[in-house]
PDB file of N, CA and C in Angstrom:
ATOM      1  N   MET A   1      -0.437 -12.377   7.118  1.00  0.00           N
ATOM      2  CA  MET A   1      -1.822 -12.093   7.445  1.00  0.00           C
ATOM      3  C   MET A   1      -2.514 -11.652   6.160  1.00  0.00           C
ATOM      4  N   ASN A   2      -3.627 -12.298   5.846  1.00  0.00           N
ATOM      5  CA  ASN A   2      -4.404 -11.878   4.684  1.00  0.00           C
ATOM      6  C   ASN A   2      -5.530 -10.953   5.142  1.00  0.00           C
ATOM      7  N   LYS A   3      -6.348 -10.505   4.182  1.00  0.00           N
ATOM      8  CA  LYS A   3      -7.387  -9.523   4.501  1.00  0.00           C
ATOM      9  C   LYS A   3      -8.405 -10.077   5.497  1.00  0.00           C
ATOM     10  N   GLN A   4      -8.814 -11.328   5.330  1.00  0.00           N
ATOM     11  CA  GLN A   4      -9.805 -11.900   6.248  1.00  0.00           C
ATOM     12  C   GLN A   4      -9.238 -12.006   7.663  1.00  0.00           C
ATOM     13  N   GLU A   5      -7.983 -12.372   7.797  1.00  0.00           N
ATOM     14  CA  GLU A   5      -7.350 -12.433   9.117  1.00  0.00           C
ATOM     15  C   GLU A   5      -7.254 -11.040   9.728  1.00  0.00           C
ATOM     16  N   LEU A   6      -7.006 -10.025   8.896  1.00  0.00           N
ATOM     17  CA  LEU A   6      -6.976  -8.646   9.379  1.00  0.00           C
ATOM     18  C   LEU A   6      -8.356  -8.236   9.885  1.00  0.00           C
ATOM     19  N   ILE A   7      -9.381  -8.571   9.142  1.00  0.00           N
ATOM     20  CA  ILE A   7     -10.760  -8.258   9.557  1.00  0.00           C
ATOM     21  C   ILE A   7     -11.072  -8.924  10.892  1.00  0.00           C
ATOM     22  N   ASP A   8     -10.720 -10.198  11.025  1.00  0.00           N
ATOM     23  CA  ASP A   8     -10.959 -10.914  12.278  1.00  0.00           C
ATOM     24  C   ASP A   8     -10.220 -10.258  13.441  1.00  0.00           C
ATOM     25  N   ALA A   9      -8.965  -9.861  13.210  1.00  0.00           N
ATOM     26  CA  ALA A   9      -8.159  -9.253  14.267  1.00  0.00           C
ATOM     27  C   ALA A   9      -8.727  -7.890  14.674  1.00  0.00           C
ATOM     28  N   VAL A  10      -9.134  -7.099  13.702  1.00  0.00           N
ATOM     29  CA  VAL A  10      -9.691  -5.775  14.006  1.00  0.00           C
ATOM     30  C   VAL A  10     -11.018  -5.923  14.751  1.00  0.00           C
ATOM     31  N   ALA A  11     -11.860  -6.853  14.321  1.00  0.00           N
ATOM     32  CA  ALA A  11     -13.132  -7.080  15.009  1.00  0.00           C
ATOM     33  C   ALA A  11     -12.900  -7.506  16.449  1.00  0.00           C
ATOM     34  N   SER A  12     -11.956  -8.383  16.670  1.00  0.00           N
ATOM     35  CA  SER A  12     -11.642  -8.857  18.012  1.00  0.00           C
ATOM     36  C   SER A  12     -11.067  -7.737  18.881  1.00  0.00           C
ATOM     37  N   GLU A  13     -10.145  -6.975  18.310  1.00  0.00           N
ATOM     38  CA  GLU A  13      -9.466  -5.903  19.057  1.00  0.00           C
ATOM     39  C   GLU A  13     -10.424  -4.769  19.416  1.00  0.00           C
ATOM     40  N   SER A  14     -11.348  -4.452  18.510  1.00  0.00           N
ATOM     41  CA  SER A  14     -12.236  -3.320  18.745  1.00  0.00           C
ATOM     42  C   SER A  14     -13.566  -3.716  19.377  1.00  0.00           C
ATOM     43  N   GLY A  15     -13.848  -5.023  19.428  1.00  0.00           N
ATOM     44  CA  GLY A  15     -15.093  -5.475  20.025  1.00  0.00           C
ATOM     45  C   GLY A  15     -16.303  -5.230  19.134  1.00  0.00           C
ATOM     46  N   THR A  16     -16.094  -5.079  17.845  1.00  0.00           N
ATOM     47  CA  THR A  16     -17.203  -4.896  16.916  1.00  0.00           C
ATOM     48  C   THR A  16     -17.420  -6.181  16.123  1.00  0.00           C
ATOM     49  N   SER A  17     -18.468  -6.188  15.324  1.00  0.00           N
ATOM     50  CA  SER A  17     -18.740  -7.370  14.504  1.00  0.00           C
ATOM     51  C   SER A  17     -17.765  -7.437  13.336  1.00  0.00           C
ATOM     52  N   LYS A  18     -17.638  -8.624  12.771  1.00  0.00           N
ATOM     53  CA  LYS A  18     -16.757  -8.799  11.617  1.00  0.00           C
ATOM     54  C   LYS A  18     -17.273  -8.014  10.418  1.00  0.00           C
ATOM     55  N   VAL A  19     -18.587  -7.918  10.280  1.00  0.00           N
ATOM     56  CA  VAL A  19     -19.185  -7.167   9.168  1.00  0.00           C
ATOM     57  C   VAL A  19     -18.816  -5.688   9.283  1.00  0.00           C
ATOM     58  N   ALA A  20     -18.946  -5.127  10.489  1.00  0.00           N
ATOM     59  CA  ALA A  20     -18.610  -3.717  10.697  1.00  0.00           C
ATOM     60  C   ALA A  20     -17.118  -3.480  10.478  1.00  0.00           C
ATOM     61  N   ALA A  21     -16.280  -4.404  10.955  1.00  0.00           N
ATOM     62  CA  ALA A  21     -14.837  -4.273  10.767  1.00  0.00           C
ATOM     63  C   ALA A  21     -14.479  -4.332   9.288  1.00  0.00           C
ATOM     64  N   GLU A  22     -15.130  -5.235   8.543  1.00  0.00           N
ATOM     65  CA  GLU A  22     -14.850  -5.356   7.106  1.00  0.00           C
ATOM     66  C   GLU A  22     -15.256  -4.084   6.366  1.00  0.00           C
ATOM     67  N   GLU A  23     -16.422  -3.538   6.686  1.00  0.00           N
ATOM     68  CA  GLU A  23     -16.876  -2.298   6.051  1.00  0.00           C
ATOM     69  C   GLU A  23     -15.908  -1.158   6.332  1.00  0.00           C
ATOM     70  N   THR A  24     -15.430  -1.077   7.553  1.00  0.00           N
ATOM     71  CA  THR A  24     -14.500  -0.014   7.926  1.00  0.00           C
ATOM     72  C   THR A  24     -13.173  -0.167   7.194  1.00  0.00           C
ATOM     73  N   ILE A  25     -12.625  -1.364   7.176  1.00  0.00           N
ATOM     74  CA  ILE A  25     -11.347  -1.606   6.501  1.00  0.00           C
ATOM     75  C   ILE A  25     -11.475  -1.325   5.012  1.00  0.00           C
ATOM     76  N   ASN A  26     -12.567  -1.789   4.397  1.00  0.00           N
ATOM     77  CA  ASN A  26     -12.780  -1.530   2.972  1.00  0.00           C
ATOM     78  C   ASN A  26     -12.887  -0.034   2.690  1.00  0.00           C
ATOM     79  N   ALA A  27     -13.565   0.700   3.571  1.00  0.00           N
ATOM     80  CA  ALA A  27     -13.704   2.150   3.392  1.00  0.00           C
ATOM     81  C   ALA A  27     -12.349   2.847   3.503  1.00  0.00           C
ATOM     82  N   VAL A  28     -11.532   2.435   4.463  1.00  0.00           N
ATOM     83  CA  VAL A  28     -10.207   3.033   4.635  1.00  0.00           C
ATOM     84  C   VAL A  28      -9.343   2.766   3.403  1.00  0.00           C
ATOM     85  N   LEU A  29      -9.323   1.523   2.945  1.00  0.00           N
ATOM     86  CA  LEU A  29      -8.504   1.171   1.784  1.00  0.00           C
ATOM     87  C   LEU A  29      -8.974   1.897   0.524  1.00  0.00           C
ATOM     88  N   GLU A  30     -10.271   1.997   0.343  1.00  0.00           N
ATOM     89  CA  GLU A  30     -10.826   2.693  -0.821  1.00  0.00           C
ATOM     90  C   GLU A  30     -10.487   4.182  -0.780  1.00  0.00           C
ATOM     91  N   THR A  31     -10.580   4.784   0.394  1.00  0.00           N
ATOM     92  CA  THR A  31     -10.262   6.205   0.545  1.00  0.00           C
ATOM     93  C   THR A  31      -8.792   6.470   0.257  1.00  0.00           C
ATOM     94  N   ILE A  32      -7.906   5.625   0.777  1.00  0.00           N
ATOM     95  CA  ILE A  32      -6.471   5.768   0.512  1.00  0.00           C
ATOM     96  C   ILE A  32      -6.205   5.595  -0.978  1.00  0.00           C
ATOM     97  N   SER A  33      -6.801   4.580  -1.600  1.00  0.00           N
ATOM     98  CA  SER A  33      -6.593   4.326  -3.024  1.00  0.00           C
ATOM     99  C   SER A  33      -7.027   5.508  -3.878  1.00  0.00           C
ATOM    100  N   LYS A  34      -8.197   6.058  -3.591  1.00  0.00           N
ATOM    101  CA  LYS A  34      -8.699   7.199  -4.366  1.00  0.00           C
ATOM    102  C   LYS A  34      -7.805   8.424  -4.195  1.00  0.00           C
ATOM    103  N   ALA A  35      -7.369   8.686  -2.981  1.00  0.00           N
ATOM    104  CA  ALA A  35      -6.534   9.861  -2.726  1.00  0.00           C
ATOM    105  C   ALA A  35      -5.191   9.742  -3.446  1.00  0.00           C
ATOM    106  N   VAL A  36      -4.553   8.582  -3.363  1.00  0.00           N
ATOM    107  CA  VAL A  36      -3.246   8.394  -4.009  1.00  0.00           C
ATOM    108  C   VAL A  36      -3.411   8.433  -5.529  1.00  0.00           C
ATOM    109  N   ALA A  37      -4.480   7.841  -6.060  1.00  0.00           N
ATOM    110  CA  ALA A  37      -4.733   7.869  -7.506  1.00  0.00           C
ATOM    111  C   ALA A  37      -4.938   9.299  -8.001  1.00  0.00           C
ATOM    112  N   ALA A  38      -5.490  10.162  -7.142  1.00  0.00           N
ATOM    113  CA  ALA A  38      -5.702  11.560  -7.501  1.00  0.00           C
ATOM    114  C   ALA A  38      -4.426  12.391  -7.358  1.00  0.00           C
ATOM    115  N   GLY A  39      -3.356  11.774  -6.891  1.00  0.00           N
ATOM    116  CA  GLY A  39      -2.085  12.480  -6.761  1.00  0.00           C
ATOM    117  C   GLY A  39      -1.823  13.052  -5.379  1.00  0.00           C
ATOM    118  N   ASP A  40      -2.724  12.808  -4.441  1.00  0.00           N
ATOM    119  CA  ASP A  40      -2.534  13.302  -3.076  1.00  0.00           C
ATOM    120  C   ASP A  40      -1.732  12.301  -2.262  1.00  0.00           C
ATOM    121  N   ALA A  41      -0.997  12.798  -1.289  1.00  0.00           N
ATOM    122  CA  ALA A  41      -0.288  11.927  -0.357  1.00  0.00           C
ATOM    123  C   ALA A  41      -1.198  11.683   0.841  1.00  0.00           C
ATOM    124  N   VAL A  42      -1.114  10.487   1.406  1.00  0.00           N
ATOM    125  CA  VAL A  42      -1.877  10.144   2.605  1.00  0.00           C
ATOM    126  C   VAL A  42      -0.861   9.853   3.698  1.00  0.00           C
ATOM    127  N   GLN A  43      -0.885  10.646   4.748  1.00  0.00           N
ATOM    128  CA  GLN A  43       0.083  10.511   5.829  1.00  0.00           C
ATOM    129  C   GLN A  43      -0.636  10.094   7.105  1.00  0.00           C
ATOM    130  N   LEU A  44      -0.246   8.953   7.641  1.00  0.00           N
ATOM    131  CA  LEU A  44      -0.791   8.447   8.888  1.00  0.00           C
ATOM    132  C   LEU A  44       0.334   8.502   9.920  1.00  0.00           C
ATOM    133  N   ILE A  45       0.295   9.501  10.776  1.00  0.00           N
ATOM    134  CA  ILE A  45       1.367   9.738  11.741  1.00  0.00           C
ATOM    135  C   ILE A  45       1.601   8.483  12.569  1.00  0.00           C
ATOM    136  N   GLY A  46       2.852   8.072  12.668  1.00  0.00           N
ATOM    137  CA  GLY A  46       3.233   6.897  13.433  1.00  0.00           C
ATOM    138  C   GLY A  46       3.196   5.615  12.633  1.00  0.00           C
ATOM    139  N   PHE A  47       2.454   5.595  11.522  1.00  0.00           N
ATOM    140  CA  PHE A  47       2.373   4.394  10.690  1.00  0.00           C
ATOM    141  C   PHE A  47       3.176   4.553   9.419  1.00  0.00           C
ATOM    142  N   GLY A  48       2.881   5.588   8.643  1.00  0.00           N
ATOM    143  CA  GLY A  48       3.610   5.812   7.409  1.00  0.00           C
ATOM    144  C   GLY A  48       2.836   6.685   6.458  1.00  0.00           C
ATOM    145  N   SER A  49       3.368   6.830   5.254  1.00  0.00           N
ATOM    146  CA  SER A  49       2.701   7.657   4.258  1.00  0.00           C
ATOM    147  C   SER A  49       2.685   6.953   2.913  1.00  0.00           C
ATOM    148  N   PHE A  50       1.599   7.181   2.184  1.00  0.00           N
ATOM    149  CA  PHE A  50       1.410   6.644   0.850  1.00  0.00           C
ATOM    150  C   PHE A  50       1.491   7.806  -0.130  1.00  0.00           C
ATOM    151  N   GLY A  51       2.141   7.584  -1.257  1.00  0.00           N
ATOM    152  CA  GLY A  51       2.239   8.626  -2.269  1.00  0.00           C
ATOM    153  C   GLY A  51       2.533   8.014  -3.616  1.00  0.00           C
ATOM    154  N   THR A  52       2.764   8.879  -4.591  1.00  0.00           N
ATOM    155  CA  THR A  52       3.078   8.403  -5.930  1.00  0.00           C
ATOM    156  C   THR A  52       4.517   8.748  -6.275  1.00  0.00           C
ATOM    157  N   GLY A  53       5.063   7.999  -7.196  1.00  0.00           N
ATOM    158  CA  GLY A  53       6.401   8.242  -7.704  1.00  0.00           C
ATOM    159  C   GLY A  53       6.382   8.079  -9.211  1.00  0.00           C
ATOM    160  N   GLU A  54       7.475   8.392  -9.833  1.00  0.00           N
ATOM    161  CA  GLU A  54       7.599   8.276 -11.283  1.00  0.00           C
ATOM    162  C   GLU A  54       8.714   7.297 -11.611  1.00  0.00           C
ATOM    163  N   ARG A  55       8.444   6.450 -12.593  1.00  0.00           N
ATOM    164  CA  ARG A  55       9.487   5.556 -13.095  1.00  0.00           C
ATOM    165  C   ARG A  55       9.711   5.945 -14.547  1.00  0.00           C
ATOM    166  N   ALA A  56      10.934   6.276 -14.900  1.00  0.00           N
ATOM    167  CA  ALA A  56      11.271   6.738 -16.240  1.00  0.00           C
ATOM    168  C   ALA A  56      11.192   5.586 -17.250  1.00  0.00           C
ATOM    169  N   ALA A  57      11.011   5.949 -18.511  1.00  0.00           N
ATOM    170  CA  ALA A  57      11.041   4.954 -19.580  1.00  0.00           C
ATOM    171  C   ALA A  57      12.449   4.380 -19.658  1.00  0.00           C
ATOM    172  N   ARG A  58      12.534   3.111 -20.026  1.00  0.00           N
ATOM    173  CA  ARG A  58      13.846   2.481 -20.094  1.00  0.00           C
ATOM    174  C   ARG A  58      13.824   1.340 -21.112  1.00  0.00           C
ATOM    175  N   THR A  59      15.002   0.858 -21.422  1.00  0.00           N
ATOM    176  CA  THR A  59      15.128  -0.266 -22.337  1.00  0.00           C
ATOM    177  C   THR A  59      15.316  -1.530 -21.520  1.00  0.00           C
ATOM    178  N   GLY A  60      14.543  -2.562 -21.847  1.00  0.00           N
ATOM    179  CA  GLY A  60      14.644  -3.838 -21.156  1.00  0.00           C
ATOM    180  C   GLY A  60      14.948  -4.941 -22.145  1.00  0.00           C
ATOM    181  N   ARG A  61      14.965  -6.156 -21.658  1.00  0.00           N
ATOM    182  CA  ARG A  61      15.275  -7.297 -22.508  1.00  0.00           C
ATOM    183  C   ARG A  61      14.295  -8.412 -22.218  1.00  0.00           C
ATOM    184  N   ASN A  62      13.724  -8.970 -23.267  1.00  0.00           N
ATOM    185  CA  ASN A  62      12.835 -10.118 -23.133  1.00  0.00           C
ATOM    186  C   ASN A  62      13.703 -11.317 -22.749  1.00  0.00           C
ATOM    187  N   PRO A  63      13.474 -11.931 -21.585  1.00  0.00           N
ATOM    188  CA  PRO A  63      14.358 -13.021 -21.141  1.00  0.00           C
ATOM    189  C   PRO A  63      14.248 -14.281 -21.998  1.00  0.00           C
ATOM    190  N   GLN A  64      13.123 -14.471 -22.689  1.00  0.00           N
ATOM    191  CA  GLN A  64      12.981 -15.667 -23.521  1.00  0.00           C
ATOM    192  C   GLN A  64      13.700 -15.537 -24.850  1.00  0.00           C
ATOM    193  N   THR A  65      13.612 -14.349 -25.463  1.00  0.00           N
ATOM    194  CA  THR A  65      14.178 -14.180 -26.801  1.00  0.00           C
ATOM    195  C   THR A  65      15.458 -13.368 -26.808  1.00  0.00           C
ATOM    196  N   GLY A  66      15.704 -12.616 -25.757  1.00  0.00           N
ATOM    197  CA  GLY A  66      16.878 -11.748 -25.719  1.00  0.00           C
ATOM    198  C   GLY A  66      16.654 -10.442 -26.466  1.00  0.00           C
ATOM    199  N   GLU A  67      15.474 -10.258 -27.038  1.00  0.00           N
ATOM    200  CA  GLU A  67      15.152  -9.065 -27.813  1.00  0.00           C
ATOM    201  C   GLU A  67      15.055  -7.846 -26.900  1.00  0.00           C
ATOM    202  N   MET A  68      15.604  -6.723 -27.349  1.00  0.00           N
ATOM    203  CA  MET A  68      15.524  -5.481 -26.584  1.00  0.00           C
ATOM    204  C   MET A  68      14.141  -4.874 -26.793  1.00  0.00           C
ATOM    205  N   ILE A  69      13.518  -4.395 -25.709  1.00  0.00           N
ATOM    206  CA  ILE A  69      12.197  -3.783 -25.786  1.00  0.00           C
ATOM    207  C   ILE A  69      12.201  -2.474 -25.006  1.00  0.00           C
ATOM    208  N   GLU A  70      11.307  -1.588 -25.399  1.00  0.00           N
ATOM    209  CA  GLU A  70      11.152  -0.320 -24.694  1.00  0.00           C
ATOM    210  C   GLU A  70      10.075  -0.477 -23.625  1.00  0.00           C
ATOM    211  N   ILE A  71      10.393  -0.111 -22.408  1.00  0.00           N
ATOM    212  CA  ILE A  71       9.431  -0.150 -21.304  1.00  0.00           C
ATOM    213  C   ILE A  71       8.988   1.285 -21.053  1.00  0.00           C
ATOM    214  N   ALA A  72       7.690   1.523 -21.126  1.00  0.00           N
ATOM    215  CA  ALA A  72       7.144   2.871 -21.004  1.00  0.00           C
ATOM    216  C   ALA A  72       7.310   3.428 -19.587  1.00  0.00           C
ATOM    217  N   ALA A  73       7.294   4.735 -19.485  1.00  0.00           N
ATOM    218  CA  ALA A  73       7.310   5.398 -18.181  1.00  0.00           C
ATOM    219  C   ALA A  73       6.015   5.058 -17.451  1.00  0.00           C
ATOM    220  N   ALA A  74       6.064   5.049 -16.136  1.00  0.00           N
ATOM    221  CA  ALA A  74       4.874   4.688 -15.361  1.00  0.00           C
ATOM    222  C   ALA A  74       4.883   5.411 -14.016  1.00  0.00           C
ATOM    223  N   LYS A  75       3.682   5.586 -13.487  1.00  0.00           N
ATOM    224  CA  LYS A  75       3.549   6.078 -12.119  1.00  0.00           C
ATOM    225  C   LYS A  75       3.599   4.876 -11.194  1.00  0.00           C
ATOM    226  N   THR A  76       4.158   5.054 -10.015  1.00  0.00           N
ATOM    227  CA  THR A  76       4.238   3.978  -9.039  1.00  0.00           C
ATOM    228  C   THR A  76       3.633   4.449  -7.720  1.00  0.00           C
ATOM    229  N   VAL A  77       3.302   3.496  -6.878  1.00  0.00           N
ATOM    230  CA  VAL A  77       2.807   3.795  -5.537  1.00  0.00           C
ATOM    231  C   VAL A  77       3.949   3.561  -4.567  1.00  0.00           C
ATOM    232  N   LYS A  78       4.165   4.528  -3.686  1.00  0.00           N
ATOM    233  CA  LYS A  78       5.240   4.415  -2.707  1.00  0.00           C
ATOM    234  C   LYS A  78       4.652   4.408  -1.301  1.00  0.00           C
ATOM    235  N   PHE A  79       5.230   3.598  -0.441  1.00  0.00           N
ATOM    236  CA  PHE A  79       4.875   3.623   0.978  1.00  0.00           C
ATOM    237  C   PHE A  79       6.158   3.840   1.754  1.00  0.00           C
ATOM    238  N   THR A  80       6.136   4.800   2.637  1.00  0.00           N
ATOM    239  CA  THR A  80       7.278   5.061   3.506  1.00  0.00           C
ATOM    240  C   THR A  80       6.817   4.839   4.940  1.00  0.00           C
ATOM    241  N   ALA A  81       7.455   3.901   5.621  1.00  0.00           N
ATOM    242  CA  ALA A  81       7.076   3.581   6.998  1.00  0.00           C
ATOM    243  C   ALA A  81       7.453   4.719   7.938  1.00  0.00           C
ATOM    244  N   GLY A  82       6.588   4.973   8.917  1.00  0.00           N
ATOM    245  CA  GLY A  82       6.853   5.988   9.925  1.00  0.00           C
ATOM    246  C   GLY A  82       7.807   5.477  10.994  1.00  0.00           C
ATOM    247  N   LYS A  83       8.325   6.386  11.794  1.00  0.00           N
ATOM    248  CA  LYS A  83       9.315   6.032  12.805  1.00  0.00           C
ATOM    249  C   LYS A  83       8.782   5.009  13.806  1.00  0.00           C
ATOM    250  N   SER A  84       7.571   5.195  14.302  1.00  0.00           N
ATOM    251  CA  SER A  84       7.015   4.256  15.280  1.00  0.00           C
ATOM    252  C   SER A  84       6.876   2.858  14.687  1.00  0.00           C
ATOM    253  N   PHE A  85       6.459   2.790  13.426  1.00  0.00           N
ATOM    254  CA  PHE A  85       6.304   1.504  12.743  1.00  0.00           C
ATOM    255  C   PHE A  85       7.664   0.833  12.570  1.00  0.00           C
ATOM    256  N   LYS A  86       8.654   1.604  12.142  1.00  0.00           N
ATOM    257  CA  LYS A  86      10.010   1.058  11.971  1.00  0.00           C
ATOM    258  C   LYS A  86      10.556   0.550  13.299  1.00  0.00           C
ATOM    259  N   ASP A  87      10.354   1.335  14.364  1.00  0.00           N
ATOM    260  CA  ASP A  87      10.846   0.932  15.675  1.00  0.00           C
ATOM    261  C   ASP A  87      10.180  -0.348  16.150  1.00  0.00           C
ATOM    262  N   ALA A  88       8.880  -0.479  15.918  1.00  0.00           N
ATOM    263  CA  ALA A  88       8.153  -1.687  16.328  1.00  0.00           C
ATOM    264  C   ALA A  88       8.665  -2.919  15.576  1.00  0.00           C
ATOM    265  N   VAL A  89       8.952  -2.755  14.291  1.00  0.00           N
ATOM    266  CA  VAL A  89       9.462  -3.865  13.482  1.00  0.00           C
ATOM    267  C   VAL A  89      10.867  -4.263  13.940  1.00  0.00           C
ATOM    268  N   ASN A  90      11.688  -3.272  14.247  1.00  0.00           N
ATOM    269  CA  ASN A  90      13.071  -3.558  14.643  1.00  0.00           C
ATOM    270  C   ASN A  90      13.185  -4.151  16.041  1.00  0.00           C
ATOM    271  N   GLN A  91      12.171  -3.972  16.890  1.00  0.00           N
ATOM    272  CA  GLN A  91      12.195  -4.545  18.226  1.00  0.00           C
ATOM    273  C   GLN A  91      11.756  -6.020  18.216  1.00  0.00           C
ATOM    274  N   ALA A  92      11.055  -6.419  17.168  1.00  0.00           N
ATOM    275  CA  ALA A  92      10.539  -7.792  17.098  1.00  0.00           C
ATOM    276  C   ALA A  92      11.650  -8.779  16.809  1.00  0.00           C
TER     277      ALA A  92
END
């Protein structure tokens, strides 16, 4: 399912217009993105939680040349599925 299909499904399920559904979905995604970027965790009970993680610096290898390179440390985005979401996926 892509974003447009999600918008169509939400509009159909909620009985609102596609424009209103798109605005709502965009607002939710933007709010989650801003909160996680600021270092806050976003927890949606029954669905899951979004947060940040740390990836340490490490040595890698360029697959074309075989040359060893240093890969810098980075922050990552983590999603942990909630119990209800996991159960729904496992029943399918």
